[in-house]
Protein backbone atom coordinates (compact mmCIF):
# COMPACT_ATOMS: atom_id res chain seq x y z
CA MET A 1 77.47 60.61 133.79
CA LYS A 2 78.83 59.91 130.27
CA PHE A 3 78.28 64.00 129.69
CA PHE A 4 80.78 64.66 132.42
CA LEU A 5 83.10 61.97 131.70
CA TYR A 6 82.78 63.29 128.25
CA LEU A 7 83.65 67.29 129.82
CA PHE A 8 86.41 65.80 131.54
CA PHE A 9 88.18 64.47 128.52
CA LEU A 10 87.73 67.46 126.34
CA THR A 11 89.25 69.41 129.22
CA SER A 12 92.16 67.38 129.93
CA PHE A 13 93.22 67.47 126.22
CA ALA A 14 92.73 71.16 126.08
CA TYR A 15 95.10 71.91 129.05
CA GLY A 16 96.93 68.60 129.31
CA GLN A 17 100.14 69.31 127.89
CA SER A 18 98.64 70.97 124.81
CA TYR A 19 100.74 73.62 124.69
CA ASP A 20 103.91 74.14 122.58
CA LEU A 21 105.62 76.14 125.05
CA VAL A 22 105.41 77.57 128.63
CA ILE A 23 107.09 80.47 130.04
CA LYS A 24 106.87 80.22 134.34
CA ASN A 25 107.62 82.30 136.98
CA GLY A 26 108.44 85.89 134.90
CA ARG A 27 107.20 88.91 135.55
CA ILE A 28 104.91 90.50 133.08
CA VAL A 29 105.10 93.43 131.56
CA ASP A 30 102.57 93.28 129.10
CA GLY A 31 103.41 96.40 126.82
CA THR A 32 100.20 98.30 127.85
CA GLY A 33 102.53 100.57 130.56
CA ASN A 34 100.54 98.70 133.59
CA PRO A 35 102.47 97.69 136.61
CA TRP A 36 103.98 94.76 136.11
CA TYR A 37 102.48 91.31 137.53
CA TYR A 38 104.12 87.61 138.23
CA ALA A 39 102.12 84.99 135.86
CA ASP A 40 102.95 82.08 133.73
CA VAL A 41 102.47 82.57 129.63
CA ALA A 42 101.39 79.87 127.06
CA ILE A 43 102.32 80.19 123.71
CA GLN A 44 100.48 77.34 120.89
CA HIS A 45 100.77 77.56 116.89
CA GLY A 46 102.67 81.15 117.47
CA LYS A 47 100.13 82.80 119.46
CA VAL A 48 100.21 83.55 123.25
CA VAL A 49 97.22 81.77 124.41
CA ARG A 50 97.14 81.89 128.01
CA ILE A 51 98.33 83.91 130.57
CA GLY A 52 98.01 82.89 134.36
CA THR A 53 99.23 80.04 136.64
CA ILE A 54 99.97 76.72 133.80
CA PRO A 55 101.50 74.09 135.11
CA ALA A 56 104.83 72.65 134.00
CA THR A 57 103.45 69.70 132.53
CA ASP A 58 100.98 71.17 130.28
CA ALA A 59 103.85 72.14 127.72
CA LYS A 60 106.46 70.40 125.50
CA THR A 61 108.89 72.69 126.76
CA VAL A 62 109.14 75.06 129.35
CA LEU A 63 111.31 78.13 129.81
CA ASP A 64 112.12 79.30 133.78
CA ALA A 65 111.97 83.09 133.46
CA ARG A 66 112.18 83.15 137.09
CA ASN A 67 113.81 86.86 138.26
CA GLN A 68 113.32 88.06 134.90
CA ILE A 69 111.28 90.20 132.66
CA VAL A 70 108.78 88.84 130.10
CA ALA A 71 107.29 91.39 127.83
CA PRO A 72 106.17 92.07 124.21
CA GLY A 73 109.44 91.87 121.23
CA PHE A 74 110.20 95.63 120.58
CA ILE A 75 109.70 96.89 117.36
CA ASP A 76 111.87 99.24 115.78
CA VAL A 77 109.88 102.09 113.72
CA HIS A 78 112.80 103.09 112.10
CA THR A 79 115.14 100.77 110.26
CA HIS A 80 117.50 100.58 107.02
CA VAL A 81 117.35 96.94 106.31
CA GLU A 82 116.99 97.08 102.60
CA GLY A 83 119.80 95.00 101.04
CA SER A 84 121.31 94.17 104.51
CA LEU A 85 118.51 91.56 105.88
CA GLN A 86 118.75 89.44 102.45
CA ASP A 87 122.74 89.09 103.37
CA ARG A 88 122.35 88.93 107.05
CA PRO A 89 118.79 87.43 107.58
CA GLY A 90 120.03 86.51 111.23
CA ALA A 91 120.11 90.26 112.14
CA GLU A 92 121.82 89.54 114.75
CA ASN A 93 122.38 93.04 116.26
CA PHE A 94 119.01 93.54 116.44
CA LEU A 95 117.63 89.73 117.64
CA TYR A 96 120.19 90.29 120.47
CA ASP A 97 118.71 93.78 121.68
CA GLY A 98 115.44 92.08 122.17
CA VAL A 99 114.02 93.92 118.31
CA THR A 100 111.55 91.10 116.90
CA THR A 101 110.22 93.50 114.42
CA LEU A 102 111.67 96.00 112.10
CA VAL A 103 109.83 98.95 110.06
CA THR A 104 112.47 99.79 107.00
CA GLY A 105 111.98 102.34 104.12
CA ASN A 106 112.26 104.76 106.02
CA CYS A 107 113.61 108.57 105.57
CA GLY A 108 112.45 108.60 102.06
CA SER A 109 114.55 105.76 100.65
CA SER A 110 113.05 101.73 100.31
CA ALA A 111 112.56 99.41 97.72
CA THR A 112 110.92 100.19 94.58
CA ASN A 113 108.89 97.22 94.22
CA LEU A 114 107.82 96.30 97.27
CA ARG A 115 106.70 92.61 96.10
CA LEU A 116 109.81 91.82 95.00
CA PHE A 117 111.47 92.94 98.03
CA TYR A 118 109.35 90.78 99.95
CA ASP A 119 109.84 88.03 98.02
CA SER A 120 113.65 88.01 97.98
CA LEU A 121 113.03 88.35 101.85
CA ARG A 122 111.43 84.69 101.54
CA VAL A 123 114.09 82.82 99.68
CA SER A 124 115.86 82.07 102.68
CA GLY A 125 113.92 83.06 105.27
CA PHE A 126 115.26 86.26 108.26
CA SER A 127 114.53 86.00 111.99
CA PRO A 128 113.07 89.07 112.63
CA ASN A 129 109.63 90.21 111.64
CA VAL A 130 109.55 92.63 108.75
CA ALA A 131 107.38 95.74 107.57
CA SER A 132 107.89 98.55 104.70
CA MET A 133 107.31 102.08 104.17
CA ILE A 134 107.35 103.35 100.08
CA GLY A 135 110.22 106.35 100.15
CA HIS A 136 109.40 109.66 98.83
CA ASN A 137 113.08 109.97 97.53
CA THR A 138 112.94 106.08 95.65
CA VAL A 139 109.53 107.13 93.94
CA ARG A 140 111.02 110.55 92.86
CA LEU A 141 113.91 109.27 91.73
CA LYS A 142 112.28 106.49 89.76
CA VAL A 143 110.37 109.13 87.97
CA MET A 144 112.61 112.45 88.17
CA LYS A 145 115.88 111.04 88.41
CA MET A 146 118.22 113.90 90.17
CA ALA A 147 116.17 116.62 89.03
CA PHE A 148 115.72 119.94 90.88
CA ARG A 149 112.58 121.07 90.22
CA GLU A 150 109.09 120.72 90.70
CA PRO A 151 107.30 117.71 88.99
CA THR A 152 105.36 117.98 85.94
CA ALA A 153 101.42 116.90 86.27
CA ARG A 154 102.78 114.05 84.28
CA GLU A 155 105.38 113.24 86.93
CA GLN A 156 103.28 113.62 89.84
CA THR A 157 100.53 111.10 88.57
CA GLU A 158 103.33 109.00 87.81
CA MET A 159 104.84 109.21 91.80
CA GLU A 160 101.20 109.27 93.24
CA ALA A 161 100.54 105.42 91.00
CA LEU A 162 104.42 104.30 92.67
CA VAL A 163 103.32 105.46 95.77
CA GLU A 164 99.72 103.47 95.13
CA GLN A 165 100.94 100.43 93.76
CA ALA A 166 103.31 99.98 96.83
CA MET A 167 100.56 100.80 99.21
CA LYS A 168 98.34 97.48 97.86
CA ASP A 169 101.38 95.42 97.83
CA GLY A 170 101.98 96.12 101.38
CA ALA A 171 103.61 99.41 102.14
CA VAL A 172 103.02 100.49 105.73
CA GLY A 173 103.12 104.27 104.87
CA LEU A 174 105.02 106.46 103.11
CA SER A 175 108.36 107.89 103.98
CA THR A 176 110.58 111.43 103.39
CA GLY A 177 114.21 112.31 104.01
CA LEU A 178 113.61 116.37 103.70
CA ILE A 179 117.44 117.04 103.78
CA TYR A 180 118.57 114.09 101.10
CA THR A 181 118.90 114.28 97.68
CA PRO A 182 116.45 114.09 95.50
CA GLY A 183 113.61 114.42 98.58
CA THR A 184 115.26 117.99 99.06
CA TYR A 185 113.94 119.77 96.16
CA ALA A 186 110.87 118.50 96.97
CA HIS A 187 107.72 121.14 97.75
CA THR A 188 105.51 120.48 100.44
CA PRO A 189 101.99 120.34 97.83
CA GLU A 190 103.97 117.25 96.16
CA ILE A 191 104.44 115.74 99.35
CA VAL A 192 101.08 115.77 100.41
CA ASN A 193 99.26 114.81 97.30
CA LEU A 194 101.58 111.52 97.71
CA ALA A 195 100.43 111.76 101.16
CA LYS A 196 97.31 111.73 100.84
CA MET A 197 97.95 108.31 98.32
CA ALA A 198 99.27 106.63 101.56
CA SER A 199 96.37 108.37 103.73
CA ARG A 200 93.53 106.39 101.27
CA TYR A 201 95.39 102.59 102.05
CA GLY A 202 95.80 103.46 105.82
CA GLY A 203 99.18 104.28 105.45
CA VAL A 204 101.55 106.50 108.11
CA TYR A 205 103.50 109.34 107.37
CA ALA A 206 107.30 109.11 108.84
CA SER A 207 109.18 112.19 107.56
CA HIS A 208 113.01 112.66 108.39
CA MET A 209 112.46 116.55 108.37
CA ARG A 210 114.02 119.18 106.20
CA ASN A 211 115.65 120.55 108.87
CA GLU A 212 116.81 119.28 112.58
CA GLY A 213 118.71 121.93 113.58
CA GLN A 214 118.23 125.79 113.90
CA GLU A 215 115.23 125.88 111.23
CA VAL A 216 113.53 122.55 113.32
CA LYS A 217 110.40 124.43 114.17
CA LYS A 218 109.53 125.26 110.48
CA ALA A 219 110.54 121.52 109.59
CA ILE A 220 108.04 120.02 112.77
CA GLU A 221 105.39 122.78 110.97
CA GLU A 222 105.52 121.13 107.67
CA ALA A 223 104.94 117.83 108.74
CA ILE A 224 102.06 118.78 111.07
CA GLN A 225 100.81 120.72 107.89
CA ILE A 226 100.90 117.54 105.72
CA GLY A 227 99.43 115.30 108.11
CA ARG A 228 96.85 117.75 108.43
CA GLU A 229 96.11 118.42 104.46
CA ALA A 230 96.34 114.97 104.06
CA GLN A 231 94.97 113.57 106.64
CA ILE A 232 97.16 111.08 107.82
CA PRO A 233 99.26 110.09 110.75
CA VAL A 234 102.61 111.72 111.09
CA GLU A 235 105.83 110.25 112.95
CA ILE A 236 108.21 112.28 112.91
CA SER A 237 111.83 110.39 112.83
CA HIS A 238 114.99 110.67 115.30
CA PHE A 239 112.87 113.69 116.84
CA LYS A 240 116.01 115.90 118.32
CA VAL A 241 117.69 119.10 118.58
CA ALA A 242 120.74 119.13 116.55
CA SER A 243 122.34 122.53 116.93
CA LYS A 244 124.25 123.86 119.39
CA PRO A 245 122.96 127.39 119.95
CA ILE A 246 119.20 125.90 120.50
CA TRP A 247 120.36 122.56 123.23
CA GLY A 248 117.41 123.22 125.59
CA SER A 249 114.63 123.79 123.23
CA SER A 250 113.76 120.00 122.48
CA ALA A 251 110.59 121.54 125.44
CA GLU A 252 109.36 123.70 123.15
CA THR A 253 109.43 121.21 119.71
CA VAL A 254 107.77 118.39 121.88
CA GLY A 255 105.30 121.47 122.85
CA MET A 256 104.56 121.58 118.96
CA VAL A 257 103.53 118.26 118.91
CA GLU A 258 101.08 118.16 121.42
CA ALA A 259 99.21 121.01 120.49
CA ALA A 260 98.84 119.41 116.93
CA ARG A 261 97.65 116.31 118.94
CA ARG A 262 95.17 119.03 120.84
CA GLU A 263 94.29 119.80 117.83
CA GLY A 264 93.14 116.28 116.84
CA LEU A 265 95.96 115.58 114.51
CA ASP A 266 97.48 112.00 115.37
CA VAL A 267 101.39 112.83 115.57
CA THR A 268 103.84 111.01 117.49
CA VAL A 269 107.53 110.85 117.62
CA ASP A 270 110.76 108.70 117.84
CA GLN A 271 114.15 108.63 118.78
CA TYR A 272 117.55 106.92 119.35
CA PRO A 273 119.02 107.34 122.87
CA TYR A 274 122.54 109.11 122.16
CA THR A 275 123.59 112.46 121.49
CA ALA A 276 125.21 111.66 118.04
CA SER A 277 123.27 111.16 115.10
CA SER A 278 124.45 109.13 111.64
CA THR A 279 124.24 109.96 108.04
CA SER A 280 126.49 110.32 104.95
CA LEU A 281 129.37 113.08 104.17
CA SER A 282 127.12 114.48 101.83
CA SER A 283 124.39 115.60 104.46
CA ILE A 284 127.02 118.54 105.04
CA VAL A 285 127.28 119.94 101.52
CA PRO A 286 124.77 122.06 100.43
CA SER A 287 121.92 120.04 98.17
CA TRP A 288 122.14 122.50 94.93
CA ALA A 289 125.56 121.14 94.84
CA LEU A 290 124.18 117.26 94.38
CA ALA A 291 121.55 118.16 92.13
CA ASP A 292 121.81 115.84 88.71
CA GLY A 293 124.19 113.32 89.89
CA ASP A 294 127.12 112.29 90.84
CA SER A 295 128.77 113.54 87.11
CA ALA A 296 127.28 116.92 87.09
CA THR A 297 128.13 116.87 91.41
CA LEU A 298 131.77 116.34 90.07
CA THR A 299 131.77 119.40 87.42
CA ARG A 300 130.67 121.74 89.81
CA PHE A 301 133.13 120.16 92.74
CA ARG A 302 136.25 120.94 89.74
CA ASP A 303 135.17 124.30 89.01
CA PRO A 304 136.79 126.99 91.00
CA ALA A 305 134.04 129.29 91.13
CA THR A 306 131.63 127.16 91.94
CA ARG A 307 133.84 125.29 94.74
CA THR A 308 134.62 128.75 96.29
CA LYS A 309 130.39 128.88 97.09
CA ILE A 310 129.86 125.36 98.05
CA ARG A 311 132.73 126.04 100.40
CA LYS A 312 131.57 129.11 101.83
CA GLU A 313 128.21 127.99 102.56
CA MET A 314 129.60 124.87 104.13
CA LEU A 315 131.65 127.11 106.47
CA ASP A 316 128.44 129.73 107.15
CA ALA A 317 126.72 126.66 108.14
CA LEU A 318 129.25 126.04 110.58
CA LYS A 319 129.47 129.64 112.16
CA LYS A 320 125.91 129.25 112.28
CA ASN A 321 125.96 126.36 114.42
CA ASP A 322 128.59 127.25 116.56
CA ARG A 323 131.34 125.28 115.63
CA LYS A 324 134.81 125.92 114.39
CA ASN A 325 135.69 123.39 112.74
CA TYR A 326 134.07 119.53 111.61
CA ASP A 327 135.80 117.95 114.60
CA TYR A 328 132.11 117.15 115.83
CA ALA A 329 131.85 114.89 112.26
CA VAL A 330 133.41 111.31 112.64
CA VAL A 331 134.08 108.75 109.76
CA ALA A 332 132.16 105.73 110.39
CA TYR A 333 132.70 103.74 107.04
CA TYR A 334 135.27 105.57 104.09
CA PRO A 335 135.48 103.01 101.20
CA ALA A 336 138.29 104.60 99.70
CA ASP A 337 140.84 104.44 102.62
CA THR A 338 139.52 102.19 105.74
CA ALA A 339 142.41 103.78 107.46
CA PHE A 340 140.00 107.05 108.14
CA ASN A 341 137.18 105.36 110.13
CA GLY A 342 137.23 106.27 113.23
CA LEU A 343 138.74 109.47 112.58
CA SER A 344 137.00 113.23 112.37
CA ILE A 345 137.32 115.44 109.59
CA SER A 346 139.56 117.68 111.78
CA LYS A 347 142.06 114.61 112.74
CA ILE A 348 141.74 113.44 108.77
CA ASN A 349 142.97 117.18 107.64
CA GLN A 350 145.75 116.79 110.62
CA LYS A 351 147.04 113.84 109.53
CA LEU A 352 147.81 114.60 106.09
CA GLY A 353 149.56 117.75 107.11
CA ARG A 354 147.55 120.32 106.47
CA LYS A 355 146.75 123.73 107.62
CA ASP A 356 144.47 123.57 110.90
CA LYS A 357 141.76 125.57 109.81
CA ALA A 358 138.09 124.83 108.55
CA ASP A 359 138.47 126.00 104.97
CA ALA A 360 140.93 123.25 104.43
CA GLU A 361 138.78 120.89 106.10
CA ALA A 362 135.69 121.79 103.88
CA ASP A 363 137.94 121.47 101.24
CA LEU A 364 138.83 118.11 102.34
CA VAL A 365 135.19 117.02 102.67
CA LEU A 366 135.12 117.72 99.25
CA GLU A 367 138.33 115.92 98.31
CA LEU A 368 136.96 112.63 100.19
CA MET A 369 133.56 112.70 98.21
CA GLU A 370 135.46 113.05 95.00
CA LYS A 371 137.71 110.07 95.75
CA ALA A 372 134.68 107.91 97.00
CA ASP A 373 130.87 107.10 95.94
CA MET A 374 129.37 110.40 96.76
CA LYS A 375 126.69 109.66 98.52
CA ARG A 376 128.10 106.66 100.84
CA ILE A 377 130.58 108.07 103.07
CA GLN A 378 129.27 107.10 106.41
CA MET A 379 129.84 109.50 109.27
CA VAL A 380 128.87 109.92 112.96
CA TYR A 381 127.86 113.23 113.92
CA HIS A 382 128.04 114.58 117.58
CA THR A 383 124.98 117.49 117.62
CA MET A 384 122.85 116.70 120.62
CA SER A 385 122.34 117.03 124.47
CA GLU A 386 122.19 114.85 126.83
CA GLU A 387 119.36 116.92 128.66
CA ASP A 388 117.70 117.08 125.37
CA VAL A 389 117.63 113.37 124.68
CA ALA A 390 116.16 112.83 128.38
CA THR A 391 113.48 115.58 127.71
CA ILE A 392 112.26 114.19 124.51
CA MET A 393 112.16 110.39 125.97
CA ARG A 394 109.71 111.74 128.61
CA TYR A 395 107.53 112.85 126.43
CA PRO A 396 104.65 109.87 126.17
CA ASN A 397 104.51 109.86 122.72
CA THR A 398 108.19 108.95 121.48
CA MET A 399 108.96 105.44 120.44
CA VAL A 400 112.32 103.98 120.54
CA ALA A 401 114.23 103.83 117.39
CA SER A 402 117.33 102.57 116.05
CA ASP A 403 117.92 103.88 112.39
CA ALA A 404 120.02 101.42 111.84
CA GLY A 405 120.45 98.49 109.46
CA VAL A 406 121.83 95.01 109.30
CA ALA A 407 125.39 95.35 110.87
CA ARG A 408 128.18 93.68 109.27
CA PHE A 409 129.87 92.54 112.68
CA GLN A 410 133.73 94.12 112.94
CA SER A 411 133.08 96.49 109.34
CA GLY A 412 133.89 99.39 110.01
CA MET A 413 132.88 102.33 112.97
CA PRO A 414 129.15 102.29 112.58
CA HIS A 415 127.67 104.11 115.12
CA PRO A 416 126.33 101.69 118.48
CA ARG A 417 122.82 102.56 118.20
CA GLY A 418 122.99 99.74 115.50
CA TYR A 419 123.97 97.07 118.51
CA GLY A 420 122.69 98.82 121.74
CA THR A 421 119.56 100.74 121.47
CA ASN A 422 117.05 99.28 123.12
CA ALA A 423 119.34 97.82 125.85
CA ARG A 424 120.64 101.58 126.33
CA VAL A 425 116.82 102.87 127.17
CA LEU A 426 116.67 100.47 130.07
CA GLY A 427 119.90 100.13 131.81
CA ARG A 428 120.84 103.63 131.29
CA TYR A 429 117.70 105.94 131.11
CA VAL A 430 115.47 103.28 133.10
CA ARG A 431 117.85 101.53 135.57
CA GLU A 432 120.39 104.25 135.90
CA LYS A 433 118.98 108.25 135.32
CA LYS A 434 115.33 106.79 136.16
CA VAL A 435 114.21 109.15 133.42
CA ILE A 436 111.13 106.72 132.70
CA PRO A 437 110.16 103.38 134.54
CA VAL A 438 110.34 100.24 132.95
CA GLU A 439 106.83 99.58 131.83
CA GLU A 440 107.02 102.82 130.20
CA ALA A 441 110.16 101.78 128.29
CA VAL A 442 108.60 98.87 127.13
CA ARG A 443 105.38 100.67 125.93
CA ARG A 444 107.30 102.94 124.04
CA MET A 445 109.04 99.66 122.31
CA SER A 446 106.00 97.52 121.99
CA SER A 447 102.48 98.55 121.95
CA LEU A 448 102.79 102.00 120.70
CA PRO A 449 104.94 101.21 117.65
CA ALA A 450 102.34 98.67 117.06
CA GLN A 451 99.43 100.82 117.30
CA ARG A 452 101.39 103.55 115.15
CA PHE A 453 102.28 101.47 112.16
CA LYS A 454 98.53 99.26 113.04
CA LEU A 455 100.47 96.10 113.51
CA GLU A 456 96.70 94.92 115.04
CA ASP A 457 98.12 91.58 116.45
CA ARG A 458 101.59 92.51 118.11
CA GLY A 459 103.27 94.38 120.61
CA ILE A 460 101.22 93.49 123.48
CA LEU A 461 101.40 89.96 125.69
CA LYS A 462 97.74 89.37 125.77
CA PRO A 463 95.95 85.86 124.33
CA GLY A 464 95.08 85.97 120.59
CA TYR A 465 98.26 87.90 120.04
CA ALA A 466 101.77 86.74 118.65
CA ALA A 467 103.98 85.23 120.29
CA ASP A 468 106.72 87.88 119.69
CA LEU A 469 108.27 88.29 123.47
CA VAL A 470 111.54 88.99 125.02
CA ILE A 471 112.93 87.68 128.53
CA PHE A 472 115.44 90.07 130.18
CA ASP A 473 116.90 90.42 133.51
CA GLU A 474 116.22 94.14 134.06
CA LYS A 475 119.12 94.27 136.35
CA THR A 476 121.56 93.72 134.13
CA VAL A 477 120.51 94.33 130.67
CA SER A 478 123.21 96.70 129.29
CA ASP A 479 124.48 98.60 125.63
CA GLN A 480 128.00 97.04 124.92
CA SER A 481 128.21 99.00 121.83
CA THR A 482 130.35 102.42 122.21
CA TYR A 483 131.58 105.32 119.41
CA GLU A 484 135.34 103.81 120.11
CA ALA A 485 134.26 100.20 119.80
CA PRO A 486 130.94 99.54 118.62
CA HIS A 487 130.69 95.80 117.50
CA ALA A 488 129.48 94.58 120.50
CA TYR A 489 126.09 93.18 120.91
CA SER A 490 123.64 93.76 123.91
CA THR A 491 123.36 91.52 127.19
CA GLY A 492 120.70 90.65 129.38
CA PHE A 493 118.22 89.26 126.82
CA SER A 494 118.16 85.69 127.54
CA TYR A 495 115.43 84.63 125.23
CA VAL A 496 113.64 86.70 122.06
CA LEU A 497 110.56 84.77 120.63
CA VAL A 498 109.59 85.25 117.09
CA ASN A 499 106.15 83.77 116.34
CA GLY A 500 106.56 81.51 119.53
CA VAL A 501 110.04 80.22 118.02
CA PRO A 502 113.21 81.08 120.37
CA VAL A 503 115.53 82.96 118.22
CA ILE A 504 117.74 84.12 121.41
CA GLU A 505 117.98 80.94 123.68
CA ASN A 506 120.27 81.37 127.19
CA GLY A 507 121.49 84.40 125.46
CA ARG A 508 122.84 83.21 122.09
CA HIS A 509 121.22 83.35 118.43
CA ASN A 510 120.46 79.67 117.13
CA GLY A 511 120.18 80.84 113.19
CA LYS A 512 116.20 80.04 113.45
CA ARG A 513 113.98 82.26 110.73
CA PRO A 514 111.05 81.96 111.63
CA GLY A 515 110.10 86.12 110.93
CA GLN A 516 107.69 87.21 108.90
CA VAL A 517 106.91 89.66 106.13
CA LEU A 518 103.60 92.24 107.79
CA MET A 519 101.57 94.00 105.43
CA GLY A 520 100.02 97.25 105.69
CA LYS A 521 96.33 97.82 106.06
CA GLY A 522 96.02 98.48 101.94
CA TYR A 523 97.40 95.35 100.81
CA ALA A 524 95.45 93.56 98.04
CA GLY A 525 94.00 96.78 97.36
CA LYS A 526 91.89 97.18 100.02
CA ALA A 527 91.67 101.13 100.70
CA GLU A 528 90.23 102.46 103.75
């Protein structure tokens, strides 16, 4: 009898008011892609500990998710939050969009010293979890400055040592930005050797490829080749077809990725659900003209013969992409004159009373760069088709990513992807266009990213996993940010939890900062 009383006591202690929080009455979309089902979720010490029928009396706090979906928090695999997260640790634009984990250090640009970067985040805390890549451009710039040449053997060794140290400090992989300087000056073997170092420590190779327009197939081949030679998983960033003459070829580019997978290569992609991209104004200037730093670039811009050569290459690129002018290129942020924000290069040219010709607009691009910081003029480029976006989204190995930083509310005219990427997928492409079902969309935002970056206790709603969760209404979830009025938070997410702590409560950010730094597999030198 005493034994049974003791067992009853233990059972009561285990289940009677033993949970920090219980979510009741929700429809569970668990991140695996399986169909939703009804269940309650119990959370204790930042972990999901039980899923099933759970009495409300067993919890200190109860959230009612009636008529809503309960899902794993979204993992944004492509962000740029160095600097901005320290300044704005609440990361409201991400949290209001259901994102609980950010992977930063993309496109070849990262913190140089990840240990110091992580320490800087921990000083004041931050709301979402953070993981980081080590950027090839950052490493190359540290060792070679803006040199337009191959590295010496010593320089290659120094770059590899920087990558190795970053992997030991917790990087989840190596990233490249091969349209950006100085990364664009690198040949494939240089990248392969750096990727081999990242592979040694269990990392991923994530690439903003060398071309996303008419040479996109060659760029995909290079990314796959790097994965093959370095024996490293490959993530192709913001997968797209960004040239009008080849719109509709996304079925072929997706087919190339699938063919690599059939070969046994672990290749995946991510995308943002928009027909416009966003990057610097300098990206439309020939990369050779940007070599050796800003002073050398200005010298080239001001030399008549060299300026003529630069302008000719810019105009040739316009013709190649079947464009008559720069009306597709819209200023997101121009520090020298914010009145230009939201205007295309063509409209700025007209506003200044210049000739309505492409060569005048090309000259304007160079003048804008001369009058402001060369590489920090942010642009939005309307270069893609809706059909290609949908085709890429249907591919099962496509993740959802914003390619954004922490937004400064009401500053500039940023790309709306910084506010509404996940809500746009759920509202426009799931609910309205029915491109993919909600269970599949959630998988692309949760378990697939966690698997890609080896975040082993994230991305699935199951006992033992971190309680990063979102509660949203699939009938109303919607992105509010537009190109014309970008500063608007997504709606429809009633609760967002990070490590078991509500950060969005009743649709409002409460200021809490429970985020953690998520380390890669090589942390503390544990090579695989």
